[in-house]
Amino acid sequence: MQDRPSPTELLEAVAAFLREQVVPASSGALAFHARVAANALDIARRELLAEADTSQAAEERASLQALLGSTEPDLDALQRTLCRRIADGALDLATPGLADHLWRTTRAKLAVDQPGYGSYRRSLDPTSPGTPTP
């Protein structure tokens, strides 16, 4: 364990530097690439925070084990099995629990990749029309 700043704080600081110093002082391709780099650092920071939340992985693992009738402990293997069974037609949206599982995991991925995405933000509001129940 290192002292502060933490890896997430370092990523946040570099992203802020790019947005606040480099982008305004740049134009064209350099400004664009600085914004892309800042966004990539933000994604990496959120990914680190999500990985630190072991409950999220445990919930996904338990959901997949129940859905697949498996005791496999490896989350990657469970995800591959799910994909294979969907591709083979063994599972579809009529399968009890599948739509809910896909909805929950998609929201978890959007929380890391695109937390400002309008549809994702609306999905967090249970009163929003058309919001599936998680």
N, C-alpha and C. Protein backbone atom coordinates (compact mmCIF):
# COMPACT_ATOMS: atom_id res chain seq x y z
N MET A 1 0.84 -1.17 0.00
CA MET A 1 0.00 0.00 0.00
C MET A 1 0.89 1.24 0.00
N GLN A 2 0.64 2.10 -0.94
CA GLN A 2 1.41 3.34 -1.06
C GLN A 2 0.69 4.46 -0.33
N ASP A 3 1.47 5.50 0.01
CA ASP A 3 0.88 6.69 0.59
C ASP A 3 0.14 7.46 -0.50
N ARG A 4 -0.53 8.50 -0.11
CA ARG A 4 -1.26 9.32 -1.06
C ARG A 4 -0.29 10.10 -1.92
N PRO A 5 -0.60 10.40 -3.13
CA PRO A 5 -1.89 10.17 -3.76
C PRO A 5 -2.05 8.72 -4.20
N SER A 6 -3.29 8.28 -4.16
CA SER A 6 -3.63 6.92 -4.60
C SER A 6 -3.60 6.86 -6.12
N PRO A 7 -3.58 5.66 -6.68
CA PRO A 7 -3.63 5.56 -8.15
C PRO A 7 -4.85 6.26 -8.75
N THR A 8 -6.00 6.15 -8.09
CA THR A 8 -7.19 6.82 -8.63
C THR A 8 -7.05 8.33 -8.54
N GLU A 9 -6.43 8.82 -7.49
CA GLU A 9 -6.21 10.28 -7.38
C GLU A 9 -5.22 10.77 -8.43
N LEU A 10 -4.19 9.98 -8.71
CA LEU A 10 -3.24 10.34 -9.76
C LEU A 10 -3.92 10.41 -11.13
N LEU A 11 -4.73 9.43 -11.43
CA LEU A 11 -5.44 9.42 -12.71
C LEU A 11 -6.37 10.62 -12.81
N GLU A 12 -7.06 10.93 -11.73
CA GLU A 12 -7.97 12.08 -11.71
C GLU A 12 -7.19 13.39 -11.92
N ALA A 13 -6.04 13.51 -11.29
CA ALA A 13 -5.24 14.73 -11.42
C ALA A 13 -4.71 14.91 -12.84
N VAL A 14 -4.24 13.85 -13.46
CA VAL A 14 -3.72 13.96 -14.82
C VAL A 14 -4.86 14.27 -15.80
N ALA A 15 -6.01 13.65 -15.61
CA ALA A 15 -7.15 13.95 -16.48
C ALA A 15 -7.56 15.41 -16.33
N ALA A 16 -7.57 15.92 -15.12
CA ALA A 16 -7.92 17.33 -14.89
C ALA A 16 -6.89 18.25 -15.54
N PHE A 17 -5.61 17.91 -15.43
CA PHE A 17 -4.56 18.71 -16.07
C PHE A 17 -4.77 18.78 -17.58
N LEU A 18 -5.06 17.64 -18.17
CA LEU A 18 -5.29 17.62 -19.62
C LEU A 18 -6.49 18.49 -20.00
N ARG A 19 -7.58 18.36 -19.27
CA ARG A 19 -8.79 19.14 -19.58
C ARG A 19 -8.62 20.62 -19.31
N GLU A 20 -7.97 20.95 -18.20
CA GLU A 20 -7.91 22.35 -17.76
C GLU A 20 -6.72 23.12 -18.32
N GLN A 21 -5.64 22.43 -18.68
CA GLN A 21 -4.44 23.12 -19.15
C GLN A 21 -4.12 22.83 -20.61
N VAL A 22 -4.10 21.57 -20.97
CA VAL A 22 -3.67 21.20 -22.32
C VAL A 22 -4.74 21.51 -23.36
N VAL A 23 -5.99 21.09 -23.11
CA VAL A 23 -7.05 21.31 -24.10
C VAL A 23 -7.25 22.80 -24.39
N PRO A 24 -7.38 23.66 -23.38
CA PRO A 24 -7.58 25.09 -23.68
C PRO A 24 -6.41 25.74 -24.41
N ALA A 25 -5.21 25.23 -24.20
CA ALA A 25 -4.02 25.81 -24.83
C ALA A 25 -3.72 25.18 -26.19
N SER A 26 -4.58 24.27 -26.61
CA SER A 26 -4.34 23.53 -27.85
C SER A 26 -5.50 23.75 -28.81
N SER A 27 -5.29 23.23 -30.01
CA SER A 27 -6.37 23.25 -30.99
C SER A 27 -6.21 22.03 -31.89
N GLY A 28 -7.23 21.79 -32.69
CA GLY A 28 -7.16 20.73 -33.67
C GLY A 28 -6.93 19.36 -33.07
N ALA A 29 -6.06 18.61 -33.73
CA ALA A 29 -5.81 17.22 -33.36
C ALA A 29 -5.26 17.08 -31.94
N LEU A 30 -4.37 17.99 -31.53
CA LEU A 30 -3.81 17.89 -30.18
C LEU A 30 -4.90 18.06 -29.12
N ALA A 31 -5.78 19.02 -29.28
CA ALA A 31 -6.87 19.22 -28.32
C ALA A 31 -7.78 17.99 -28.29
N PHE A 32 -8.08 17.46 -29.46
CA PHE A 32 -8.93 16.27 -29.54
C PHE A 32 -8.27 15.10 -28.82
N HIS A 33 -7.00 14.85 -29.09
CA HIS A 33 -6.31 13.72 -28.47
C HIS A 33 -6.13 13.93 -26.97
N ALA A 34 -5.98 15.16 -26.53
CA ALA A 34 -5.90 15.42 -25.09
C ALA A 34 -7.23 15.10 -24.42
N ARG A 35 -8.36 15.44 -25.06
CA ARG A 35 -9.67 15.09 -24.51
C ARG A 35 -9.86 13.58 -24.48
N VAL A 36 -9.44 12.90 -25.55
CA VAL A 36 -9.54 11.43 -25.59
C VAL A 36 -8.70 10.83 -24.46
N ALA A 37 -7.49 11.34 -24.27
CA ALA A 37 -6.61 10.83 -23.21
C ALA A 37 -7.23 11.06 -21.84
N ALA A 38 -7.82 12.24 -21.62
CA ALA A 38 -8.46 12.53 -20.33
C ALA A 38 -9.63 11.58 -20.10
N ASN A 39 -10.41 11.33 -21.13
CA ASN A 39 -11.54 10.40 -21.00
C ASN A 39 -11.04 8.98 -20.71
N ALA A 40 -9.96 8.57 -21.35
CA ALA A 40 -9.40 7.24 -21.10
C ALA A 40 -8.91 7.12 -19.65
N LEU A 41 -8.31 8.18 -19.14
CA LEU A 41 -7.87 8.16 -17.75
C LEU A 41 -9.06 8.08 -16.80
N ASP A 42 -10.14 8.77 -17.14
CA ASP A 42 -11.35 8.69 -16.31
C ASP A 42 -11.91 7.28 -16.29
N ILE A 43 -11.93 6.62 -17.44
CA ILE A 43 -12.41 5.24 -17.51
C ILE A 43 -11.52 4.34 -16.67
N ALA A 44 -10.20 4.50 -16.79
CA ALA A 44 -9.27 3.68 -16.00
C ALA A 44 -9.49 3.90 -14.50
N ARG A 45 -9.73 5.14 -14.10
CA ARG A 45 -9.97 5.46 -12.68
C ARG A 45 -11.25 4.77 -12.20
N ARG A 46 -12.31 4.89 -12.99
CA ARG A 46 -13.57 4.25 -12.58
C ARG A 46 -13.45 2.73 -12.57
N GLU A 47 -12.67 2.18 -13.49
CA GLU A 47 -12.46 0.73 -13.52
C GLU A 47 -11.73 0.27 -12.25
N LEU A 48 -10.72 1.01 -11.84
CA LEU A 48 -10.02 0.67 -10.60
C LEU A 48 -10.96 0.70 -9.40
N LEU A 49 -11.82 1.72 -9.36
CA LEU A 49 -12.77 1.82 -8.26
C LEU A 49 -13.77 0.67 -8.30
N ALA A 50 -14.22 0.30 -9.49
CA ALA A 50 -15.17 -0.81 -9.62
C ALA A 50 -14.53 -2.14 -9.23
N GLU A 51 -13.26 -2.33 -9.61
CA GLU A 51 -12.56 -3.56 -9.24
C GLU A 51 -12.36 -3.66 -7.73
N ALA A 52 -12.20 -2.52 -7.08
CA ALA A 52 -12.04 -2.52 -5.63
C ALA A 52 -13.32 -2.93 -4.93
N ASP A 53 -14.45 -2.75 -5.61
CA ASP A 53 -15.74 -3.14 -5.06
C ASP A 53 -15.97 -4.61 -5.41
N THR A 54 -15.47 -5.50 -4.55
CA THR A 54 -15.55 -6.93 -4.83
C THR A 54 -16.98 -7.44 -4.77
N SER A 55 -17.88 -6.68 -4.14
CA SER A 55 -19.27 -7.14 -4.06
C SER A 55 -19.91 -7.17 -5.44
N GLN A 56 -19.51 -6.26 -6.33
CA GLN A 56 -20.07 -6.23 -7.68
C GLN A 56 -19.72 -7.52 -8.43
N ALA A 57 -18.47 -7.94 -8.37
CA ALA A 57 -18.05 -9.18 -9.03
C ALA A 57 -18.72 -10.38 -8.37
N ALA A 58 -18.84 -10.35 -7.06
CA ALA A 58 -19.48 -11.47 -6.36
C ALA A 58 -20.95 -11.58 -6.74
N GLU A 59 -21.61 -10.44 -6.88
CA GLU A 59 -23.02 -10.46 -7.29
C GLU A 59 -23.18 -11.00 -8.70
N GLU A 60 -22.29 -10.57 -9.61
CA GLU A 60 -22.38 -11.07 -10.98
C GLU A 60 -22.10 -12.57 -11.02
N ARG A 61 -21.09 -13.01 -10.27
CA ARG A 61 -20.76 -14.44 -10.23
C ARG A 61 -21.95 -15.25 -9.72
N ALA A 62 -22.57 -14.80 -8.63
CA ALA A 62 -23.71 -15.53 -8.06
C ALA A 62 -24.89 -15.54 -9.04
N SER A 63 -25.11 -14.43 -9.70
CA SER A 63 -26.19 -14.35 -10.69
C SER A 63 -25.95 -15.33 -11.83
N LEU A 64 -24.72 -15.37 -12.34
CA LEU A 64 -24.39 -16.29 -13.44
C LEU A 64 -24.47 -17.74 -12.99
N GLN A 65 -23.98 -18.04 -11.80
CA GLN A 65 -24.04 -19.42 -11.31
C GLN A 65 -25.49 -19.89 -11.22
N ALA A 66 -26.38 -19.02 -10.72
CA ALA A 66 -27.79 -19.38 -10.62
C ALA A 66 -28.41 -19.53 -12.00
N LEU A 67 -28.11 -18.60 -12.88
CA LEU A 67 -28.67 -18.61 -14.23
C LEU A 67 -28.22 -19.83 -15.02
N LEU A 68 -26.95 -20.20 -14.85
CA LEU A 68 -26.37 -21.30 -15.62
C LEU A 68 -26.44 -22.64 -14.90
N GLY A 69 -26.87 -22.64 -13.63
CA GLY A 69 -26.87 -23.88 -12.86
C GLY A 69 -25.47 -24.42 -12.69
N SER A 70 -24.54 -23.54 -12.34
CA SER A 70 -23.12 -23.90 -12.29
C SER A 70 -22.52 -23.54 -10.93
N THR A 71 -21.48 -24.26 -10.59
CA THR A 71 -20.70 -23.91 -9.39
C THR A 71 -19.32 -23.36 -9.78
N GLU A 72 -19.12 -23.13 -11.06
CA GLU A 72 -17.85 -22.58 -11.57
C GLU A 72 -17.53 -21.29 -10.81
N PRO A 73 -16.33 -21.18 -10.22
CA PRO A 73 -15.98 -19.97 -9.47
C PRO A 73 -15.40 -18.84 -10.33
N ASP A 74 -14.92 -19.18 -11.52
CA ASP A 74 -14.23 -18.20 -12.36
C ASP A 74 -15.24 -17.35 -13.14
N LEU A 75 -15.26 -16.04 -12.87
CA LEU A 75 -16.22 -15.15 -13.51
C LEU A 75 -16.05 -15.11 -15.02
N ASP A 76 -14.82 -15.07 -15.50
CA ASP A 76 -14.58 -15.06 -16.95
C ASP A 76 -15.14 -16.32 -17.61
N ALA A 77 -14.94 -17.47 -16.99
CA ALA A 77 -15.46 -18.72 -17.54
C ALA A 77 -16.99 -18.70 -17.56
N LEU A 78 -17.59 -18.16 -16.51
CA LEU A 78 -19.05 -18.06 -16.47
C LEU A 78 -19.57 -17.14 -17.57
N GLN A 79 -18.88 -16.03 -17.78
CA GLN A 79 -19.29 -15.10 -18.84
C GLN A 79 -19.19 -15.76 -20.22
N ARG A 80 -18.11 -16.51 -20.45
CA ARG A 80 -17.95 -17.21 -21.72
C ARG A 80 -19.06 -18.25 -21.92
N THR A 81 -19.39 -18.96 -20.85
CA THR A 81 -20.45 -19.96 -20.93
C THR A 81 -21.78 -19.29 -21.26
N LEU A 82 -22.07 -18.16 -20.62
CA LEU A 82 -23.29 -17.44 -20.91
C LEU A 82 -23.35 -17.04 -22.38
N CYS A 83 -22.27 -16.47 -22.88
CA CYS A 83 -22.22 -16.05 -24.29
C CYS A 83 -22.43 -17.24 -25.22
N ARG A 84 -21.77 -18.34 -24.91
CA ARG A 84 -21.89 -19.54 -25.76
C ARG A 84 -23.33 -20.05 -25.76
N ARG A 85 -23.97 -20.08 -24.60
CA ARG A 85 -25.35 -20.60 -24.51
C ARG A 85 -26.33 -19.66 -25.21
N ILE A 86 -26.09 -18.37 -25.15
CA ILE A 86 -26.94 -17.43 -25.89
C ILE A 86 -26.73 -17.63 -27.39
N ALA A 87 -25.48 -17.73 -27.81
CA ALA A 87 -25.18 -17.92 -29.24
C ALA A 87 -25.75 -19.23 -29.77
N ASP A 88 -25.73 -20.27 -28.94
CA ASP A 88 -26.26 -21.58 -29.35
C ASP A 88 -27.78 -21.63 -29.31
N GLY A 89 -28.41 -20.61 -28.73
CA GLY A 89 -29.86 -20.61 -28.61
C GLY A 89 -30.38 -21.34 -27.39
N ALA A 90 -29.48 -21.80 -26.53
CA ALA A 90 -29.91 -22.51 -25.33
C ALA A 90 -30.53 -21.55 -24.32
N LEU A 91 -30.15 -20.28 -24.37
CA LEU A 91 -30.74 -19.25 -23.52
C LEU A 91 -31.22 -18.11 -24.40
N ASP A 92 -32.37 -17.55 -24.03
CA ASP A 92 -32.85 -16.36 -24.74
C ASP A 92 -33.59 -15.49 -23.72
N LEU A 93 -34.18 -14.40 -24.19
CA LEU A 93 -34.81 -13.47 -23.26
C LEU A 93 -36.03 -14.06 -22.55
N ALA A 94 -36.52 -15.20 -23.00
CA ALA A 94 -37.60 -15.88 -22.29
C ALA A 94 -37.06 -16.69 -21.10
N THR A 95 -35.75 -16.88 -21.03
CA THR A 95 -35.13 -17.61 -19.93
C THR A 95 -35.28 -16.79 -18.65
N PRO A 96 -35.90 -17.37 -17.62
CA PRO A 96 -36.08 -16.63 -16.37
C PRO A 96 -34.74 -16.11 -15.81
N GLY A 97 -34.71 -14.82 -15.54
CA GLY A 97 -33.54 -14.20 -14.94
C GLY A 97 -32.53 -13.65 -15.92
N LEU A 98 -32.59 -14.06 -17.19
CA LEU A 98 -31.56 -13.61 -18.14
C LEU A 98 -31.65 -12.11 -18.40
N ALA A 99 -32.83 -11.62 -18.70
CA ALA A 99 -32.96 -10.18 -19.00
C ALA A 99 -32.51 -9.34 -17.80
N ASP A 100 -32.90 -9.74 -16.60
CA ASP A 100 -32.49 -9.00 -15.41
C ASP A 100 -30.97 -9.02 -15.24
N HIS A 101 -30.37 -10.17 -15.47
CA HIS A 101 -28.90 -10.27 -15.36
C HIS A 101 -28.23 -9.36 -16.39
N LEU A 102 -28.69 -9.42 -17.62
CA LEU A 102 -28.09 -8.59 -18.68
C LEU A 102 -28.27 -7.11 -18.37
N TRP A 103 -29.42 -6.73 -17.87
CA TRP A 103 -29.68 -5.33 -17.52
C TRP A 103 -28.72 -4.87 -16.41
N ARG A 104 -28.59 -5.67 -15.35
CA ARG A 104 -27.71 -5.29 -14.23
C ARG A 104 -26.26 -5.17 -14.68
N THR A 105 -25.78 -6.13 -15.47
CA THR A 105 -24.37 -6.09 -15.87
C THR A 105 -24.12 -4.95 -16.87
N THR A 106 -25.09 -4.67 -17.71
CA THR A 106 -24.94 -3.55 -18.65
C THR A 106 -24.86 -2.23 -17.88
N ARG A 107 -25.71 -2.06 -16.89
CA ARG A 107 -25.66 -0.84 -16.08
C ARG A 107 -24.32 -0.72 -15.34
N ALA A 108 -23.81 -1.83 -14.83
CA ALA A 108 -22.52 -1.80 -14.13
C ALA A 108 -21.40 -1.39 -15.09
N LYS A 109 -21.46 -1.87 -16.31
CA LYS A 109 -20.44 -1.51 -17.30
C LYS A 109 -20.55 -0.05 -17.70
N LEU A 110 -21.78 0.44 -17.88
CA LEU A 110 -21.97 1.85 -18.22
C LEU A 110 -21.52 2.77 -17.09
N ALA A 111 -21.66 2.33 -15.85
CA ALA A 111 -21.21 3.14 -14.72
C ALA A 111 -19.72 3.42 -14.80
N VAL A 112 -18.97 2.50 -15.40
CA VAL A 112 -17.53 2.68 -15.58
C VAL A 112 -17.23 3.42 -16.88
N ASP A 113 -17.83 2.96 -17.96
CA ASP A 113 -17.48 3.46 -19.28
C ASP A 113 -18.13 4.79 -19.64
N GLN A 114 -19.41 4.95 -19.35
CA GLN A 114 -20.15 6.15 -19.78
C GLN A 114 -21.13 6.61 -18.70
N PRO A 115 -20.67 7.01 -17.52
CA PRO A 115 -21.61 7.37 -16.45
C PRO A 115 -22.45 8.60 -16.76
N GLY A 116 -22.07 9.39 -17.74
CA GLY A 116 -22.85 10.55 -18.11
C GLY A 116 -23.86 10.28 -19.21
N TYR A 117 -23.89 9.07 -19.74
CA TYR A 117 -24.78 8.69 -20.83
C TYR A 117 -26.23 8.87 -20.38
N GLY A 118 -27.01 9.59 -21.17
CA GLY A 118 -28.36 9.94 -20.78
C GLY A 118 -29.25 8.75 -20.45
N SER A 119 -29.23 7.74 -21.27
CA SER A 119 -30.07 6.57 -21.01
C SER A 119 -29.65 5.86 -19.73
N TYR A 120 -28.35 5.81 -19.48
CA TYR A 120 -27.87 5.20 -18.23
C TYR A 120 -28.37 6.01 -17.04
N ARG A 121 -28.23 7.32 -17.10
CA ARG A 121 -28.65 8.17 -15.99
C ARG A 121 -30.16 8.05 -15.75
N ARG A 122 -30.93 7.96 -16.82
CA ARG A 122 -32.38 7.77 -16.66
C ARG A 122 -32.68 6.41 -16.05
N SER A 123 -31.86 5.40 -16.35
CA SER A 123 -32.10 4.06 -15.81
C SER A 123 -31.91 4.03 -14.30
N LEU A 124 -31.18 5.00 -13.76
CA LEU A 124 -30.98 5.05 -12.31
C LEU A 124 -32.19 5.61 -11.59
N ASP A 125 -33.08 6.27 -12.35
CA ASP A 125 -34.30 6.86 -11.78
C ASP A 125 -35.45 5.88 -11.98
N PRO A 126 -35.88 5.22 -10.89
CA PRO A 126 -36.93 4.21 -11.04
C PRO A 126 -38.26 4.78 -11.51
N THR A 127 -38.44 6.10 -11.46
CA THR A 127 -39.69 6.70 -11.92
C THR A 127 -39.64 7.05 -13.40
N SER A 128 -38.49 6.87 -14.03
CA SER A 128 -38.35 7.20 -15.44
C SER A 128 -39.15 6.21 -16.29
N PRO A 129 -39.94 6.71 -17.25
CA PRO A 129 -40.74 5.79 -18.09
C PRO A 129 -39.85 4.82 -18.86
N GLY A 130 -40.28 3.58 -18.89
CA GLY A 130 -39.57 2.56 -19.67
C GLY A 130 -38.35 1.99 -18.98
N THR A 131 -38.11 2.36 -17.71
CA THR A 131 -36.94 1.85 -16.99
C THR A 131 -37.22 0.42 -16.54
N PRO A 132 -36.44 -0.55 -17.02
CA PRO A 132 -36.61 -1.92 -16.56
C PRO A 132 -36.28 -2.01 -15.07
N THR A 133 -36.89 -2.92 -14.39
CA THR A 133 -36.56 -3.13 -12.98
C THR A 133 -35.32 -3.97 -12.90
N PRO A 134 -34.33 -3.54 -12.11
CA PRO A 134 -33.09 -4.32 -12.01
C PRO A 134 -33.27 -5.60 -11.25
